[in-house]
């Protein structure tokens, strides 16, 4: 099945004045769409390479798929992390987890802003749930796909690529990182946190033994 570009859950201008309509249009319709297109093309090329037993191309194609598919995933998450008239603070279990793992909401806010603002080159800042320890962490994601703990589940992401902010904020990307705090859809983040908390990578041995009988 081919990957598809999801529609934005709001109009291009819905996030103004924090993110302008033109930036949203280009970001979604050009950049995100390009990652979807390239991911599908790479899958076709992988199929072709296998059919021809031409495995000399696999390493390069896998890197291309990782880059473009991860770009698709992160952008799809980013659009839903945001909402018109969002912001404020989370409540419930997510709020408690942020305080537990970062000391305070302000501590989390400062940490992820610093994570996003100090990426060398292009990338993302992310709040992730790490299921092995059952805790929240922040992570720098270089480009779209590296430096993320293998089991880490992204819950909230900040696009730190220039195309996310340059038309409006020019070189002052930290102002963009500050602006998105007026747009976070905490209900979306909380739902992702709740789902991630149900993950169990270490299946109990009794279940494994029973399955073999």
C-alpha atoms as a PDB file:
ATOM      1  CA  UNK A   1       0.000   0.000   0.000  1.00  0.00           C
ATOM      2  CA  UNK A   2       1.254   3.451  -0.900  1.00  0.00           C
ATOM      3  CA  UNK A   3       1.839   6.177   1.651  1.00  0.00           C
ATOM      4  CA  UNK A   4      -0.522   9.131   1.339  1.00  0.00           C
ATOM      5  CA  UNK A   5      -0.265  12.778   2.299  1.00  0.00           C
ATOM      6  CA  UNK A   6      -2.725  13.439   5.150  1.00  0.00           C
ATOM      7  CA  UNK A   7      -4.765  16.639   4.899  1.00  0.00           C
ATOM      8  CA  UNK A   8      -4.106  19.339   7.442  1.00  0.00           C
ATOM      9  CA  UNK A   9      -6.693  19.236  10.263  1.00  0.00           C
ATOM     10  CA  UNK A  10      -7.145  23.028   9.901  1.00  0.00           C
ATOM     11  CA  UNK A  11      -6.798  25.774   7.275  1.00  0.00           C
ATOM     12  CA  UNK A  12      -3.391  27.123   6.263  1.00  0.00           C
ATOM     13  CA  UNK A  13      -4.105  30.409   8.070  1.00  0.00           C
ATOM     14  CA  UNK A  14      -5.541  28.813  11.208  1.00  0.00           C
ATOM     15  CA  UNK A  15      -2.274  29.006  13.164  1.00  0.00           C
ATOM     16  CA  UNK A  16      -1.636  32.702  12.520  1.00  0.00           C
ATOM     17  CA  UNK A  17      -0.065  34.882  13.803  1.00  0.00           C
ATOM     18  CA  UNK A  18       2.314  32.249  15.178  1.00  0.00           C
ATOM     19  CA  UNK A  19       2.792  30.400  11.872  1.00  0.00           C
ATOM     20  CA  UNK A  20       1.766  32.229   8.713  1.00  0.00           C
ATOM     21  CA  UNK A  21      -0.435  30.713   6.000  1.00  0.00           C
ATOM     22  CA  UNK A  22       2.215  30.740   3.265  1.00  0.00           C
ATOM     23  CA  UNK A  23       4.672  28.828   5.417  1.00  0.00           C
ATOM     24  CA  UNK A  24       2.011  26.236   6.216  1.00  0.00           C
ATOM     25  CA  UNK A  25       1.045  25.873   2.560  1.00  0.00           C
ATOM     26  CA  UNK A  26       4.618  25.372   1.363  1.00  0.00           C
ATOM     27  CA  UNK A  27       5.521  23.187   4.338  1.00  0.00           C
ATOM     28  CA  UNK A  28       2.594  20.810   3.860  1.00  0.00           C
ATOM     29  CA  UNK A  29       1.941  20.855   0.111  1.00  0.00           C
ATOM     30  CA  UNK A  30       5.572  20.964  -1.029  1.00  0.00           C
ATOM     31  CA  UNK A  31       7.949  19.619   1.613  1.00  0.00           C
ATOM     32  CA  UNK A  32       5.759  17.002   3.287  1.00  0.00           C
ATOM     33  CA  UNK A  33       4.313  15.934  -0.060  1.00  0.00           C
ATOM     34  CA  UNK A  34       7.842  15.464  -1.428  1.00  0.00           C
ATOM     35  CA  UNK A  35       8.759  13.081   1.400  1.00  0.00           C
ATOM     36  CA  UNK A  36       5.637  11.004   0.733  1.00  0.00           C
ATOM     37  CA  UNK A  37       6.356  10.868  -2.999  1.00  0.00           C
ATOM     38  CA  UNK A  38       9.990   9.900  -2.483  1.00  0.00           C
ATOM     39  CA  UNK A  39       9.124   7.240   0.103  1.00  0.00           C
ATOM     40  CA  UNK A  40       6.739   5.581  -2.357  1.00  0.00           C
ATOM     41  CA  UNK A  41       9.308   5.778  -5.160  1.00  0.00           C
ATOM     42  CA  UNK A  42      11.926   4.195  -2.908  1.00  0.00           C
ATOM     43  CA  UNK A  43       9.609   1.306  -2.029  1.00  0.00           C
ATOM     44  CA  UNK A  44       9.073   0.678  -5.743  1.00  0.00           C
ATOM     45  CA  UNK A  45      12.828   0.698  -6.291  1.00  0.00           C
ATOM     46  CA  UNK A  46      13.299  -1.773  -3.429  1.00  0.00           C
ATOM     47  CA  UNK A  47      10.725  -4.094  -5.023  1.00  0.00           C
ATOM     48  CA  UNK A  48      12.523  -3.813  -8.351  1.00  0.00           C
ATOM     49  CA  UNK A  49      15.922  -4.481  -6.779  1.00  0.00           C
ATOM     50  CA  UNK A  50      14.636  -7.644  -5.070  1.00  0.00           C
ATOM     51  CA  UNK A  51      12.950  -8.876  -8.241  1.00  0.00           C
ATOM     52  CA  UNK A  52      16.242  -8.488 -10.104  1.00  0.00           C
ATOM     53  CA  UNK A  53      18.325  -9.797  -7.183  1.00  0.00           C
ATOM     54  CA  UNK A  54      20.288  -6.563  -7.423  1.00  0.00           C
ATOM     55  CA  UNK A  55      21.176  -6.209  -3.753  1.00  0.00           C
ATOM     56  CA  UNK A  56      24.019  -3.782  -4.443  1.00  0.00           C
ATOM     57  CA  UNK A  57      21.438  -0.956  -4.246  1.00  0.00           C
ATOM     58  CA  UNK A  58      19.805  -1.996  -0.983  1.00  0.00           C
ATOM     59  CA  UNK A  59      21.967   0.027   1.426  1.00  0.00           C
ATOM     60  CA  UNK A  60      21.398   3.294  -0.431  1.00  0.00           C
ATOM     61  CA  UNK A  61      17.695   2.627  -0.873  1.00  0.00           C
ATOM     62  CA  UNK A  62      17.266   1.803   2.816  1.00  0.00           C
ATOM     63  CA  UNK A  63      18.874   5.142   3.741  1.00  0.00           C
ATOM     64  CA  UNK A  64      16.553   6.937   1.332  1.00  0.00           C
ATOM     65  CA  UNK A  65      13.515   5.172   2.781  1.00  0.00           C
ATOM     66  CA  UNK A  66      14.573   5.966   6.352  1.00  0.00           C
ATOM     67  CA  UNK A  67      14.995   9.648   5.506  1.00  0.00           C
ATOM     68  CA  UNK A  68      11.791  10.128   3.540  1.00  0.00           C
ATOM     69  CA  UNK A  69       9.481   7.852   5.519  1.00  0.00           C
ATOM     70  CA  UNK A  70      10.672   9.372   8.794  1.00  0.00           C
ATOM     71  CA  UNK A  71      10.006  12.807   7.313  1.00  0.00           C
ATOM     72  CA  UNK A  72       6.467  11.680   6.505  1.00  0.00           C
ATOM     73  CA  UNK A  73       5.920  10.282  10.007  1.00  0.00           C
ATOM     74  CA  UNK A  74       7.268  13.318  11.846  1.00  0.00           C
ATOM     75  CA  UNK A  75       5.324  15.837   9.769  1.00  0.00           C
ATOM     76  CA  UNK A  76       2.110  13.834  10.173  1.00  0.00           C
ATOM     77  CA  UNK A  77       2.664  13.939  13.930  1.00  0.00           C
ATOM     78  CA  UNK A  78       3.613  17.633  13.926  1.00  0.00           C
ATOM     79  CA  UNK A  79       0.375  18.769  12.222  1.00  0.00           C
ATOM     80  CA  UNK A  80      -1.714  17.028  14.869  1.00  0.00           C
ATOM     81  CA  UNK A  81       0.468  18.247  17.725  1.00  0.00           C
ATOM     82  CA  UNK A  82      -0.640  21.775  16.772  1.00  0.00           C
ATOM     83  CA  UNK A  83      -4.047  23.421  16.908  1.00  0.00           C
ATOM     84  CA  UNK A  84      -5.552  26.906  16.604  1.00  0.00           C
ATOM     85  CA  UNK A  85      -5.824  28.615  19.984  1.00  0.00           C
ATOM     86  CA  UNK A  86      -3.838  25.860  21.634  1.00  0.00           C
ATOM     87  CA  UNK A  87      -1.053  26.159  24.144  1.00  0.00           C
ATOM     88  CA  UNK A  88      -1.436  26.411  27.871  1.00  0.00           C
ATOM     89  CA  UNK A  89      -0.410  23.370  29.882  1.00  0.00           C
ATOM     90  CA  UNK A  90      -1.317  19.700  29.868  1.00  0.00           C
ATOM     91  CA  UNK A  91      -3.332  18.142  32.657  1.00  0.00           C
ATOM     92  CA  UNK A  92      -3.798  14.675  34.103  1.00  0.00           C
ATOM     93  CA  UNK A  93      -1.285  11.854  33.739  1.00  0.00           C
ATOM     94  CA  UNK A  94       0.794  13.646  31.096  1.00  0.00           C
ATOM     95  CA  UNK A  95       1.251  16.668  33.366  1.00  0.00           C
ATOM     96  CA  UNK A  96       2.258  14.398  36.242  1.00  0.00           C
ATOM     97  CA  UNK A  97       4.736  12.523  34.060  1.00  0.00           C
ATOM     98  CA  UNK A  98       6.368  15.769  32.894  1.00  0.00           C
ATOM     99  CA  UNK A  99       6.850  16.907  36.480  1.00  0.00           C
ATOM    100  CA  UNK A 100       8.144  13.487  37.518  1.00  0.00           C
ATOM    101  CA  UNK A 101      10.699  13.199  34.700  1.00  0.00           C
ATOM    102  CA  UNK A 102      11.736  16.855  34.222  1.00  0.00           C
ATOM    103  CA  UNK A 103      11.190  18.324  37.683  1.00  0.00           C
ATOM    104  CA  UNK A 104       8.543  20.779  36.488  1.00  0.00           C
ATOM    105  CA  UNK A 105       6.666  21.837  33.377  1.00  0.00           C
ATOM    106  CA  UNK A 106       9.020  24.816  33.102  1.00  0.00           C
ATOM    107  CA  UNK A 107      11.988  22.447  33.281  1.00  0.00           C
ATOM    108  CA  UNK A 108      10.588  20.431  30.385  1.00  0.00           C
ATOM    109  CA  UNK A 109       9.834  23.593  28.407  1.00  0.00           C
ATOM    110  CA  UNK A 110      13.375  24.959  28.789  1.00  0.00           C
ATOM    111  CA  UNK A 111      14.950  21.594  28.002  1.00  0.00           C
ATOM    112  CA  UNK A 112      13.072  20.900  24.764  1.00  0.00           C
ATOM    113  CA  UNK A 113      13.562  24.491  23.582  1.00  0.00           C
ATOM    114  CA  UNK A 114      17.302  24.052  24.118  1.00  0.00           C
ATOM    115  CA  UNK A 115      17.228  20.653  22.416  1.00  0.00           C
ATOM    116  CA  UNK A 116      15.496  22.155  19.388  1.00  0.00           C
ATOM    117  CA  UNK A 117      17.588  25.311  19.240  1.00  0.00           C
ATOM    118  CA  UNK A 118      20.994  23.615  19.387  1.00  0.00           C
ATOM    119  CA  UNK A 119      20.568  21.067  16.610  1.00  0.00           C
ATOM    120  CA  UNK A 120      23.532  21.292  14.261  1.00  0.00           C
ATOM    121  CA  UNK A 121      22.027  21.616  10.798  1.00  0.00           C
ATOM    122  CA  UNK A 122      18.526  20.326  10.095  1.00  0.00           C
ATOM    123  CA  UNK A 123      16.423  18.235  12.440  1.00  0.00           C
ATOM    124  CA  UNK A 124      13.719  18.027  15.081  1.00  0.00           C
ATOM    125  CA  UNK A 125      13.352  18.370  18.804  1.00  0.00           C
ATOM    126  CA  UNK A 126      11.163  15.676  20.337  1.00  0.00           C
ATOM    127  CA  UNK A 127       9.480  14.598  23.535  1.00  0.00           C
ATOM    128  CA  UNK A 128       9.561  10.813  23.532  1.00  0.00           C
ATOM    129  CA  UNK A 129       8.285   8.005  25.732  1.00  0.00           C
ATOM    130  CA  UNK A 130      10.965   5.411  26.423  1.00  0.00           C
ATOM    131  CA  UNK A 131       9.173   2.111  27.235  1.00  0.00           C
ATOM    132  CA  UNK A 132      12.170   0.217  28.657  1.00  0.00           C
ATOM    133  CA  UNK A 133      12.332   2.616  31.624  1.00  0.00           C
ATOM    134  CA  UNK A 134       8.740   3.845  31.368  1.00  0.00           C
ATOM    135  CA  UNK A 135       9.735   7.501  31.356  1.00  0.00           C
ATOM    136  CA  UNK A 136       9.756  10.631  29.223  1.00  0.00           C
ATOM    137  CA  UNK A 137      12.909  11.915  27.531  1.00  0.00           C
ATOM    138  CA  UNK A 138      13.815  14.645  25.057  1.00  0.00           C
ATOM    139  CA  UNK A 139      15.763  13.900  21.905  1.00  0.00           C
ATOM    140  CA  UNK A 140      17.472  15.652  19.020  1.00  0.00           C
ATOM    141  CA  UNK A 141      16.589  14.034  15.712  1.00  0.00           C
ATOM    142  CA  UNK A 142      19.134  14.888  13.035  1.00  0.00           C
ATOM    143  CA  UNK A 143      17.526  15.264   9.600  1.00  0.00           C
ATOM    144  CA  UNK A 144      14.493  13.007  10.147  1.00  0.00           C
ATOM    145  CA  UNK A 145      15.784   9.686  11.331  1.00  0.00           C
ATOM    146  CA  UNK A 146      18.889   9.594  13.547  1.00  0.00           C
ATOM    147  CA  UNK A 147      19.754   9.903  17.250  1.00  0.00           C
ATOM    148  CA  UNK A 148      16.334   8.676  18.406  1.00  0.00           C
ATOM    149  CA  UNK A 149      16.375   5.796  20.901  1.00  0.00           C
ATOM    150  CA  UNK A 150      15.216   2.701  19.027  1.00  0.00           C
ATOM    151  CA  UNK A 151      12.186   2.042  21.213  1.00  0.00           C
ATOM    152  CA  UNK A 152      11.407   5.711  21.836  1.00  0.00           C
ATOM    153  CA  UNK A 153       7.926   6.800  20.771  1.00  0.00           C
ATOM    154  CA  UNK A 154       7.688  10.462  19.699  1.00  0.00           C
ATOM    155  CA  UNK A 155       4.796  12.231  21.405  1.00  0.00           C
ATOM    156  CA  UNK A 156       5.498  15.878  20.581  1.00  0.00           C
ATOM    157  CA  UNK A 157       7.872  17.159  17.898  1.00  0.00           C
ATOM    158  CA  UNK A 158       9.240  20.561  16.912  1.00  0.00           C
ATOM    159  CA  UNK A 159      10.352  20.976  13.304  1.00  0.00           C
ATOM    160  CA  UNK A 160      13.726  22.740  13.345  1.00  0.00           C
ATOM    161  CA  UNK A 161      14.292  22.648   9.579  1.00  0.00           C
ATOM    162  CA  UNK A 162      14.543  26.111   8.012  1.00  0.00           C
ATOM    163  CA  UNK A 163      11.474  25.550   5.830  1.00  0.00           C
ATOM    164  CA  UNK A 164       9.352  25.427   9.006  1.00  0.00           C
ATOM    165  CA  UNK A 165      10.062  29.016  10.005  1.00  0.00           C
ATOM    166  CA  UNK A 166      12.328  30.942   7.622  1.00  0.00           C
ATOM    167  CA  UNK A 167       9.698  32.845   5.607  1.00  0.00           C
ATOM    168  CA  UNK A 168       8.304  34.393   8.787  1.00  0.00           C
ATOM    169  CA  UNK A 169      11.131  34.354  11.330  1.00  0.00           C
ATOM    170  CA  UNK A 170      14.198  34.504   9.061  1.00  0.00           C
ATOM    171  CA  UNK A 171      17.288  33.627  11.153  1.00  0.00           C
ATOM    172  CA  UNK A 172      15.495  34.053  14.506  1.00  0.00           C
ATOM    173  CA  UNK A 173      14.445  30.436  14.852  1.00  0.00           C
ATOM    174  CA  UNK A 174      14.268  30.648  18.639  1.00  0.00           C
ATOM    175  CA  UNK A 175      11.282  32.962  18.208  1.00  0.00           C
ATOM    176  CA  UNK A 176       9.581  30.215  16.223  1.00  0.00           C
ATOM    177  CA  UNK A 177      10.269  27.721  19.009  1.00  0.00           C
ATOM    178  CA  UNK A 178       8.714  30.165  21.484  1.00  0.00           C
ATOM    179  CA  UNK A 179       5.698  30.784  19.225  1.00  0.00           C
ATOM    180  CA  UNK A 180       4.670  27.121  18.979  1.00  0.00           C
ATOM    181  CA  UNK A 181       3.956  27.080  22.721  1.00  0.00           C
ATOM    182  CA  UNK A 182       0.797  29.000  21.808  1.00  0.00           C
ATOM    183  CA  UNK A 183      -0.300  26.155  19.535  1.00  0.00           C
ATOM    184  CA  UNK A 184       0.295  22.823  21.267  1.00  0.00           C
ATOM    185  CA  UNK A 185      -2.624  20.427  21.206  1.00  0.00           C
ATOM    186  CA  UNK A 186      -2.091  18.831  24.612  1.00  0.00           C
ATOM    187  CA  UNK A 187      -5.056  16.486  24.183  1.00  0.00           C
ATOM    188  CA  UNK A 188      -3.293  14.961  21.182  1.00  0.00           C
ATOM    189  CA  UNK A 189      -0.008  14.621  23.091  1.00  0.00           C
ATOM    190  CA  UNK A 190      -1.823  13.110  26.087  1.00  0.00           C
ATOM    191  CA  UNK A 191      -3.553  10.515  23.900  1.00  0.00           C
ATOM    192  CA  UNK A 192      -0.214   9.514  22.381  1.00  0.00           C
ATOM    193  CA  UNK A 193       1.311   9.275  25.852  1.00  0.00           C
ATOM    194  CA  UNK A 194      -1.534   7.073  27.068  1.00  0.00           C
ATOM    195  CA  UNK A 195      -1.157   4.735  24.079  1.00  0.00           C
ATOM    196  CA  UNK A 196       2.644   4.593  24.406  1.00  0.00           C
ATOM    197  CA  UNK A 197       2.414   3.695  28.092  1.00  0.00           C
ATOM    198  CA  UNK A 198       0.651   0.480  27.114  1.00  0.00           C
ATOM    199  CA  UNK A 199       3.738  -0.746  25.227  1.00  0.00           C
ATOM    200  CA  UNK A 200       5.565  -3.747  26.643  1.00  0.00           C
ATOM    201  CA  UNK A 201       8.714  -4.665  24.719  1.00  0.00           C
ATOM    202  CA  UNK A 202       9.765  -7.312  27.231  1.00  0.00           C
ATOM    203  CA  UNK A 203       7.026  -9.914  26.924  1.00  0.00           C
ATOM    204  CA  UNK A 204       6.917 -12.016  30.123  1.00  0.00           C
ATOM    205  CA  UNK A 205       8.708 -15.347  29.765  1.00  0.00           C
ATOM    206  CA  UNK A 206       5.626 -17.282  30.863  1.00  0.00           C
ATOM    207  CA  UNK A 207       3.788 -15.929  27.817  1.00  0.00           C
ATOM    208  CA  UNK A 208       6.639 -16.955  25.536  1.00  0.00           C
ATOM    209  CA  UNK A 209       6.780 -20.467  26.995  1.00  0.00           C
ATOM    210  CA  UNK A 210       3.013 -20.878  26.736  1.00  0.00           C
ATOM    211  CA  UNK A 211       3.079 -19.785  23.117  1.00  0.00           C
ATOM    212  CA  UNK A 212       5.597 -22.529  22.243  1.00  0.00           C
ATOM    213  CA  UNK A 213       3.469 -25.329  23.716  1.00  0.00           C
END
